Amino acid sequence: NKQLEIKKGKELLALKNKELAVSALKMVEKD
């Protein structure tokens, strides 16, 4: 369970970072 929570946390962090990256790229395009 602990490993799953860590993995889930890492995956969630990676997903949010991807969203940030996409958002940043859109911001670049917008700029």
PDB file of all heavy atoms in Angstrom:
ATOM      1  N   ASN A   1       0.823  -1.208   0.000  1.00  0.00           N
ATOM      2  CA  ASN A   1       0.000   0.000   0.000  1.00  0.00           C
ATOM      3  C   ASN A   1       0.859   1.260   0.000  1.00  0.00           C
ATOM      4  O   ASN A   1       0.545   2.250  -0.675  1.00  0.00           O
ATOM      5  CB  ASN A   1      -0.926   0.010   1.211  1.00  0.00           C
ATOM      6  CG  ASN A   1      -2.004  -1.063   1.125  1.00  0.00           C
ATOM      7  OD1 ASN A   1      -2.337  -1.518   0.014  1.00  0.00           O
ATOM      8  ND2 ASN A   1      -2.553  -1.472   2.253  1.00  0.00           N
ATOM      9  N   LYS A   2       1.937   1.187   0.763  1.00  0.00           N
ATOM     10  CA  LYS A   2       2.825   2.349   0.821  1.00  0.00           C
ATOM     11  C   LYS A   2       3.486   2.590  -0.534  1.00  0.00           C
ATOM     12  O   LYS A   2       3.591   3.746  -0.984  1.00  0.00           O
ATOM     13  CB  LYS A   2       3.886   2.121   1.892  1.00  0.00           C
ATOM     14  CG  LYS A   2       4.736   3.335   2.176  1.00  0.00           C
ATOM     15  CD  LYS A   2       5.659   3.094   3.345  1.00  0.00           C
ATOM     16  CE  LYS A   2       6.495   4.347   3.654  1.00  0.00           C
ATOM     17  NZ  LYS A   2       7.393   4.133   4.802  1.00  0.00           N
ATOM     18  N   GLN A   3       3.917   1.488  -1.157  1.00  0.00           N
ATOM     19  CA  GLN A   3       4.533   1.619  -2.478  1.00  0.00           C
ATOM     20  C   GLN A   3       3.529   2.168  -3.502  1.00  0.00           C
ATOM     21  O   GLN A   3       3.878   2.992  -4.351  1.00  0.00           O
ATOM     22  CB  GLN A   3       5.071   0.261  -2.936  1.00  0.00           C
ATOM     23  CG  GLN A   3       6.286  -0.215  -2.157  1.00  0.00           C
ATOM     24  CD  GLN A   3       6.713  -1.623  -2.543  1.00  0.00           C
ATOM     25  OE1 GLN A   3       5.991  -2.317  -3.265  1.00  0.00           O
ATOM     26  NE2 GLN A   3       7.874  -2.042  -2.031  1.00  0.00           N
ATOM     27  N   LEU A   4       2.269   1.672  -3.358  1.00  0.00           N
ATOM     28  CA  LEU A   4       1.238   2.171  -4.272  1.00  0.00           C
ATOM     29  C   LEU A   4       0.980   3.655  -4.060  1.00  0.00           C
ATOM     30  O   LEU A   4       0.794   4.415  -5.026  1.00  0.00           O
ATOM     31  CB  LEU A   4      -0.061   1.382  -4.075  1.00  0.00           C
ATOM     32  CG  LEU A   4      -0.053  -0.066  -4.582  1.00  0.00           C
ATOM     33  CD1 LEU A   4      -1.354  -0.774  -4.197  1.00  0.00           C
ATOM     34  CD2 LEU A   4       0.113  -0.102  -6.112  1.00  0.00           C
ATOM     35  N   GLU A   5       0.970   4.052  -2.792  1.00  0.00           N
ATOM     36  CA  GLU A   5       0.753   5.474  -2.510  1.00  0.00           C
ATOM     37  C   GLU A   5       1.889   6.321  -3.054  1.00  0.00           C
ATOM     38  O   GLU A   5       1.665   7.403  -3.630  1.00  0.00           O
ATOM     39  CB  GLU A   5       0.638   5.675  -0.991  1.00  0.00           C
ATOM     40  CG  GLU A   5      -0.656   5.134  -0.400  1.00  0.00           C
ATOM     41  CD  GLU A   5      -0.711   5.317   1.100  1.00  0.00           C
ATOM     42  OE1 GLU A   5       0.260   5.886   1.643  1.00  0.00           O
ATOM     43  OE2 GLU A   5      -1.700   4.894   1.729  1.00  0.00           O
ATOM     44  N   ILE A   6       3.138   5.797  -2.876  1.00  0.00           N
ATOM     45  CA  ILE A   6       4.290   6.549  -3.408  1.00  0.00           C
ATOM     46  C   ILE A   6       4.218   6.627  -4.924  1.00  0.00           C
ATOM     47  O   ILE A   6       4.442   7.686  -5.536  1.00  0.00           O
ATOM     48  CB  ILE A   6       5.598   5.873  -2.953  1.00  0.00           C
ATOM     49  CG1 ILE A   6       5.741   6.001  -1.436  1.00  0.00           C
ATOM     50  CG2 ILE A   6       6.796   6.499  -3.650  1.00  0.00           C
ATOM     51  CD1 ILE A   6       6.909   5.218  -0.865  1.00  0.00           C
ATOM     52  N   LYS A   7       3.879   5.470  -5.541  1.00  0.00           N
ATOM     53  CA  LYS A   7       3.787   5.441  -7.005  1.00  0.00           C
ATOM     54  C   LYS A   7       2.675   6.364  -7.509  1.00  0.00           C
ATOM     55  O   LYS A   7       2.836   7.103  -8.490  1.00  0.00           O
ATOM     56  CB  LYS A   7       3.521   4.009  -7.460  1.00  0.00           C
ATOM     57  CG  LYS A   7       3.501   3.835  -8.971  1.00  0.00           C
ATOM     58  CD  LYS A   7       3.284   2.378  -9.332  1.00  0.00           C
ATOM     59  CE  LYS A   7       3.251   2.213 -10.849  1.00  0.00           C
ATOM     60  NZ  LYS A   7       3.002   0.792 -11.229  1.00  0.00           N
ATOM     61  N   LYS A   8       1.552   6.295  -6.779  1.00  0.00           N
ATOM     62  CA  LYS A   8       0.423   7.145  -7.161  1.00  0.00           C
ATOM     63  C   LYS A   8       0.783   8.619  -7.023  1.00  0.00           C
ATOM     64  O   LYS A   8       0.438   9.457  -7.871  1.00  0.00           O
ATOM     65  CB  LYS A   8      -0.776   6.804  -6.277  1.00  0.00           C
ATOM     66  CG  LYS A   8      -2.048   7.551  -6.645  1.00  0.00           C
ATOM     67  CD  LYS A   8      -3.193   7.091  -5.755  1.00  0.00           C
ATOM     68  CE  LYS A   8      -4.472   7.849  -6.094  1.00  0.00           C
ATOM     69  NZ  LYS A   8      -5.602   7.432  -5.219  1.00  0.00           N
ATOM     70  N   GLY A   9       1.508   8.924  -5.927  1.00  0.00           N
ATOM     71  CA  GLY A   9       1.929  10.307  -5.711  1.00  0.00           C
ATOM     72  C   GLY A   9       2.881  10.775  -6.809  1.00  0.00           C
ATOM     73  O   GLY A   9       2.780  11.910  -7.289  1.00  0.00           O
ATOM     74  N   LYS A  10       3.810   9.878  -7.167  1.00  0.00           N
ATOM     75  CA  LYS A  10       4.746  10.237  -8.231  1.00  0.00           C
ATOM     76  C   LYS A  10       4.026  10.434  -9.575  1.00  0.00           C
ATOM     77  O   LYS A  10       4.321  11.360 -10.325  1.00  0.00           O
ATOM     78  CB  LYS A  10       5.818   9.166  -8.371  1.00  0.00           C
ATOM     79  CG  LYS A  10       6.811   9.144  -7.210  1.00  0.00           C
ATOM     80  CD  LYS A  10       7.876   8.073  -7.426  1.00  0.00           C
ATOM     81  CE  LYS A  10       8.891   8.084  -6.299  1.00  0.00           C
ATOM     82  NZ  LYS A  10       9.923   7.049  -6.480  1.00  0.00           N
ATOM     83  N   GLU A  11       3.086   9.503  -9.834  1.00  0.00           N
ATOM     84  CA  GLU A  11       2.329   9.618 -11.092  1.00  0.00           C
ATOM     85  C   GLU A  11       1.503  10.897 -11.106  1.00  0.00           C
ATOM     86  O   GLU A  11       1.409  11.589 -12.133  1.00  0.00           O
ATOM     87  CB  GLU A  11       1.430   8.404 -11.257  1.00  0.00           C
ATOM     88  CG  GLU A  11       2.196   7.109 -11.544  1.00  0.00           C
ATOM     89  CD  GLU A  11       1.281   5.915 -11.631  1.00  0.00           C
ATOM     90  OE1 GLU A  11       0.064   6.081 -11.323  1.00  0.00           O
ATOM     91  OE2 GLU A  11       1.751   4.823 -11.998  1.00  0.00           O
ATOM     92  N   LEU A  12       0.881  11.199  -9.951  1.00  0.00           N
ATOM     93  CA  LEU A  12       0.083  12.426  -9.876  1.00  0.00           C
ATOM     94  C   LEU A  12       0.965  13.656 -10.060  1.00  0.00           C
ATOM     95  O   LEU A  12       0.583  14.611 -10.768  1.00  0.00           O
ATOM     96  CB  LEU A  12      -0.633  12.478  -8.531  1.00  0.00           C
ATOM     97  CG  LEU A  12      -1.546  13.678  -8.292  1.00  0.00           C
ATOM     98  CD1 LEU A  12      -2.673  13.711  -9.332  1.00  0.00           C
ATOM     99  CD2 LEU A  12      -2.131  13.627  -6.874  1.00  0.00           C
ATOM    100  N   LEU A  13       2.165  13.612  -9.419  1.00  0.00           N
ATOM    101  CA  LEU A  13       3.090  14.721  -9.570  1.00  0.00           C
ATOM    102  C   LEU A  13       3.539  14.871 -11.017  1.00  0.00           C
ATOM    103  O   LEU A  13       3.606  15.998 -11.550  1.00  0.00           O
ATOM    104  CB  LEU A  13       4.313  14.497  -8.657  1.00  0.00           C
ATOM    105  CG  LEU A  13       5.388  15.575  -8.690  1.00  0.00           C
ATOM    106  CD1 LEU A  13       4.818  16.921  -8.224  1.00  0.00           C
ATOM    107  CD2 LEU A  13       6.581  15.173  -7.822  1.00  0.00           C
ATOM    108  N   ALA A  14       3.819  13.722 -11.642  1.00  0.00           N
ATOM    109  CA  ALA A  14       4.236  13.775 -13.052  1.00  0.00           C
ATOM    110  C   ALA A  14       3.124  14.328 -13.942  1.00  0.00           C
ATOM    111  O   ALA A  14       3.374  15.118 -14.869  1.00  0.00           O
ATOM    112  CB  ALA A  14       4.643  12.374 -13.518  1.00  0.00           C
ATOM    113  N   LEU A  15       1.890  13.894 -13.625  1.00  0.00           N
ATOM    114  CA  LEU A  15       0.748  14.372 -14.417  1.00  0.00           C
ATOM    115  C   LEU A  15       0.573  15.876 -14.265  1.00  0.00           C
ATOM    116  O   LEU A  15       0.364  16.600 -15.258  1.00  0.00           O
ATOM    117  CB  LEU A  15      -0.515  13.635 -13.976  1.00  0.00           C
ATOM    118  CG  LEU A  15      -1.816  14.029 -14.673  1.00  0.00           C
ATOM    119  CD1 LEU A  15      -1.721  13.739 -16.175  1.00  0.00           C
ATOM    120  CD2 LEU A  15      -3.003  13.287 -14.069  1.00  0.00           C
ATOM    121  N   LYS A  16       0.667  16.347 -13.027  1.00  0.00           N
ATOM    122  CA  LYS A  16       0.510  17.782 -12.803  1.00  0.00           C
ATOM    123  C   LYS A  16       1.645  18.570 -13.455  1.00  0.00           C
ATOM    124  O   LYS A  16       1.425  19.678 -13.984  1.00  0.00           O
ATOM    125  CB  LYS A  16       0.470  18.067 -11.301  1.00  0.00           C
ATOM    126  CG  LYS A  16      -0.814  17.578 -10.638  1.00  0.00           C
ATOM    127  CD  LYS A  16      -0.854  17.973  -9.176  1.00  0.00           C
ATOM    128  CE  LYS A  16      -2.175  17.544  -8.538  1.00  0.00           C
ATOM    129  NZ  LYS A  16      -2.257  17.913  -7.114  1.00  0.00           N
ATOM    130  N   ASN A  17       2.860  17.982 -13.401  1.00  0.00           N
ATOM    131  CA  ASN A  17       3.986  18.655 -14.061  1.00  0.00           C
ATOM    132  C   ASN A  17       3.801  18.697 -15.575  1.00  0.00           C
ATOM    133  O   ASN A  17       4.175  19.668 -16.229  1.00  0.00           O
ATOM    134  CB  ASN A  17       5.302  17.961 -13.706  1.00  0.00           C
ATOM    135  CG  ASN A  17       5.780  18.322 -12.301  1.00  0.00           C
ATOM    136  OD1 ASN A  17       5.456  19.396 -11.792  1.00  0.00           O
ATOM    137  ND2 ASN A  17       6.541  17.427 -11.666  1.00  0.00           N
ATOM    138  N   LYS A  18       3.212  17.624 -16.113  1.00  0.00           N
ATOM    139  CA  LYS A  18       2.902  17.628 -17.548  1.00  0.00           C
ATOM    140  C   LYS A  18       1.882  18.720 -17.868  1.00  0.00           C
ATOM    141  O   LYS A  18       1.982  19.433 -18.883  1.00  0.00           O
ATOM    142  CB  LYS A  18       2.360  16.275 -17.985  1.00  0.00           C
ATOM    143  CG  LYS A  18       3.439  15.204 -18.097  1.00  0.00           C
ATOM    144  CD  LYS A  18       2.850  13.888 -18.573  1.00  0.00           C
ATOM    145  CE  LYS A  18       3.928  12.818 -18.678  1.00  0.00           C
ATOM    146  NZ  LYS A  18       3.372  11.526 -19.150  1.00  0.00           N
ATOM    147  N   GLU A  19       0.880  18.809 -16.989  1.00  0.00           N
ATOM    148  CA  GLU A  19      -0.127  19.857 -17.185  1.00  0.00           C
ATOM    149  C   GLU A  19       0.531  21.237 -17.109  1.00  0.00           C
ATOM    150  O   GLU A  19       0.195  22.140 -17.893  1.00  0.00           O
ATOM    151  CB  GLU A  19      -1.215  19.739 -16.128  1.00  0.00           C
ATOM    152  CG  GLU A  19      -2.093  18.493 -16.288  1.00  0.00           C
ATOM    153  CD  GLU A  19      -3.112  18.380 -15.180  1.00  0.00           C
ATOM    154  OE1 GLU A  19      -3.043  19.199 -14.233  1.00  0.00           O
ATOM    155  OE2 GLU A  19      -3.969  17.474 -15.235  1.00  0.00           O
ATOM    156  N   LEU A  20       1.478  21.375 -16.158  1.00  0.00           N
ATOM    157  CA  LEU A  20       2.196  22.646 -16.067  1.00  0.00           C
ATOM    158  C   LEU A  20       2.983  22.923 -17.334  1.00  0.00           C
ATOM    159  O   LEU A  20       3.034  24.066 -17.829  1.00  0.00           O
ATOM    160  CB  LEU A  20       3.140  22.627 -14.866  1.00  0.00           C
ATOM    161  CG  LEU A  20       2.517  22.930 -13.502  1.00  0.00           C
ATOM    162  CD1 LEU A  20       3.550  22.699 -12.407  1.00  0.00           C
ATOM    163  CD2 LEU A  20       2.015  24.371 -13.443  1.00  0.00           C
ATOM    164  N   ALA A  21       3.619  21.877 -17.851  1.00  0.00           N
ATOM    165  CA  ALA A  21       4.417  22.049 -19.074  1.00  0.00           C
ATOM    166  C   ALA A  21       3.535  22.465 -20.246  1.00  0.00           C
ATOM    167  O   ALA A  21       3.873  23.370 -21.019  1.00  0.00           O
ATOM    168  CB  ALA A  21       5.156  20.753 -19.394  1.00  0.00           C
ATOM    169  N   VAL A  22       2.398  21.767 -20.350  1.00  0.00           N
ATOM    170  CA  VAL A  22       1.459  22.117 -21.430  1.00  0.00           C
ATOM    171  C   VAL A  22       0.957  23.533 -21.263  1.00  0.00           C
ATOM    172  O   VAL A  22       0.874  24.318 -22.231  1.00  0.00           O
ATOM    173  CB  VAL A  22       0.273  21.124 -21.455  1.00  0.00           C
ATOM    174  CG1 VAL A  22      -0.799  21.601 -22.432  1.00  0.00           C
ATOM    175  CG2 VAL A  22       0.760  19.731 -21.823  1.00  0.00           C
ATOM    176  N   SER A  23       0.642  23.868 -20.009  1.00  0.00           N
ATOM    177  CA  SER A  23       0.167  25.219 -19.736  1.00  0.00           C
ATOM    178  C   SER A  23       1.236  26.251 -20.070  1.00  0.00           C
ATOM    179  O   SER A  23       0.939  27.317 -20.608  1.00  0.00           O
ATOM    180  CB  SER A  23      -0.232  25.323 -18.265  1.00  0.00           C
ATOM    181  OG  SER A  23      -0.579  26.633 -17.920  1.00  0.00           O
ATOM    182  N   ALA A  24       2.472  25.901 -19.745  1.00  0.00           N
ATOM    183  CA  ALA A  24       3.573  26.830 -20.041  1.00  0.00           C
ATOM    184  C   ALA A  24       3.742  27.012 -21.547  1.00  0.00           C
ATOM    185  O   ALA A  24       3.966  28.126 -22.041  1.00  0.00           O
ATOM    186  CB  ALA A  24       4.870  26.313 -19.415  1.00  0.00           C
ATOM    187  N   LEU A  25       3.630  25.897 -22.278  1.00  0.00           N
ATOM    188  CA  LEU A  25       3.754  25.999 -23.746  1.00  0.00           C
ATOM    189  C   LEU A  25       2.618  26.828 -24.335  1.00  0.00           C
ATOM    190  O   LEU A  25       2.818  27.636 -25.265  1.00  0.00           O
ATOM    191  CB  LEU A  25       3.772  24.598 -24.362  1.00  0.00           C
ATOM    192  CG  LEU A  25       5.039  23.768 -24.060  1.00  0.00           C
ATOM    193  CD1 LEU A  25       4.880  22.355 -24.605  1.00  0.00           C
ATOM    194  CD2 LEU A  25       6.269  24.441 -24.659  1.00  0.00           C
ATOM    195  N   LYS A  26       1.431  26.636 -23.816  1.00  0.00           N
ATOM    196  CA  LYS A  26       0.303  27.446 -24.276  1.00  0.00           C
ATOM    197  C   LYS A  26       0.543  28.901 -23.939  1.00  0.00           C
ATOM    198  O   LYS A  26       0.193  29.804 -24.720  1.00  0.00           O
ATOM    199  CB  LYS A  26      -0.997  26.966 -23.623  1.00  0.00           C
ATOM    200  CG  LYS A  26      -1.474  25.623 -24.169  1.00  0.00           C
ATOM    201  CD  LYS A  26      -2.802  25.228 -23.522  1.00  0.00           C
ATOM    202  CE  LYS A  26      -3.315  23.920 -24.092  1.00  0.00           C
ATOM    203  NZ  LYS A  26      -4.591  23.507 -23.481  1.00  0.00           N
ATOM    204  N   MET A  27       1.122  29.118 -22.768  1.00  0.00           N
ATOM    205  CA  MET A  27       1.417  30.491 -22.381  1.00  0.00           C
ATOM    206  C   MET A  27       2.438  31.097 -23.331  1.00  0.00           C
ATOM    207  O   MET A  27       2.359  32.282 -23.681  1.00  0.00           O
ATOM    208  CB  MET A  27       1.956  30.502 -20.943  1.00  0.00           C
ATOM    209  CG  MET A  27       2.173  31.908 -20.367  1.00  0.00           C
ATOM    210  SD  MET A  27       2.653  31.868 -18.643  1.00  0.00           S
ATOM    211  CE  MET A  27       4.238  31.053 -18.801  1.00  0.00           C
ATOM    212  N   VAL A  28       3.398  30.249 -23.763  1.00  0.00           N
ATOM    213  CA  VAL A  28       4.390  30.738 -24.740  1.00  0.00           C
ATOM    214  C   VAL A  28       3.699  31.113 -26.046  1.00  0.00           C
ATOM    215  O   VAL A  28       3.949  32.178 -26.644  1.00  0.00           O
ATOM    216  CB  VAL A  28       5.475  29.662 -24.983  1.00  0.00           C
ATOM    217  CG1 VAL A  28       6.347  30.052 -26.163  1.00  0.00           C
ATOM    218  CG2 VAL A  28       6.309  29.483 -23.729  1.00  0.00           C
ATOM    219  N   GLU A  29       2.840  30.196 -26.485  1.00  0.00           N
ATOM    220  CA  GLU A  29       2.114  30.476 -27.735  1.00  0.00           C
ATOM    221  C   GLU A  29       1.256  31.726 -27.598  1.00  0.00           C
ATOM    222  O   GLU A  29       1.178  32.560 -28.514  1.00  0.00           O
ATOM    223  CB  GLU A  29       1.237  29.280 -28.098  1.00  0.00           C
ATOM    224  CG  GLU A  29       2.043  28.049 -28.484  1.00  0.00           C
ATOM    225  CD  GLU A  29       1.146  26.861 -28.747  1.00  0.00           C
ATOM    226  OE1 GLU A  29      -0.090  26.987 -28.542  1.00  0.00           O
ATOM    227  OE2 GLU A  29       1.670  25.787 -29.113  1.00  0.00           O
ATOM    228  N   LYS A  30       0.640  31.871 -26.417  1.00  0.00           N
ATOM    229  CA  LYS A  30      -0.195  33.044 -26.183  1.00  0.00           C
ATOM    230  C   LYS A  30       0.646  34.317 -26.204  1.00  0.00           C
ATOM    231  O   LYS A  30       0.280  35.341 -26.797  1.00  0.00           O
ATOM    232  CB  LYS A  30      -0.914  32.893 -24.854  1.00  0.00           C
ATOM    233  CG  LYS A  30      -1.788  34.079 -24.473  1.00  0.00           C
ATOM    234  CD  LYS A  30      -2.424  33.845 -23.116  1.00  0.00           C
ATOM    235  CE  LYS A  30      -3.228  35.070 -22.695  1.00  0.00           C
ATOM    236  NZ  LYS A  30      -3.818  34.879 -21.346  1.00  0.00           N
ATOM    237  N   ASP A  31       1.825  34.215 -25.515  1.00  0.00           N
ATOM    238  CA  ASP A  31       2.717  35.380 -25.476  1.00  0.00           C
ATOM    239  C   ASP A  31       3.222  35.727 -26.868  1.00  0.00           C
ATOM    240  O   ASP A  31       3.342  36.910 -27.249  1.00  0.00           O
ATOM    241  CB  ASP A  31       3.910  35.105 -24.552  1.00  0.00           C
ATOM    242  CG  ASP A  31       3.494  35.128 -23.089  1.00  0.00           C
ATOM    243  OD1 ASP A  31       2.399  35.653 -22.789  1.00  0.00           O
ATOM    244  OD2 ASP A  31       4.269  34.623 -22.242  1.00  0.00           O
TER     245      ASP A  31
END
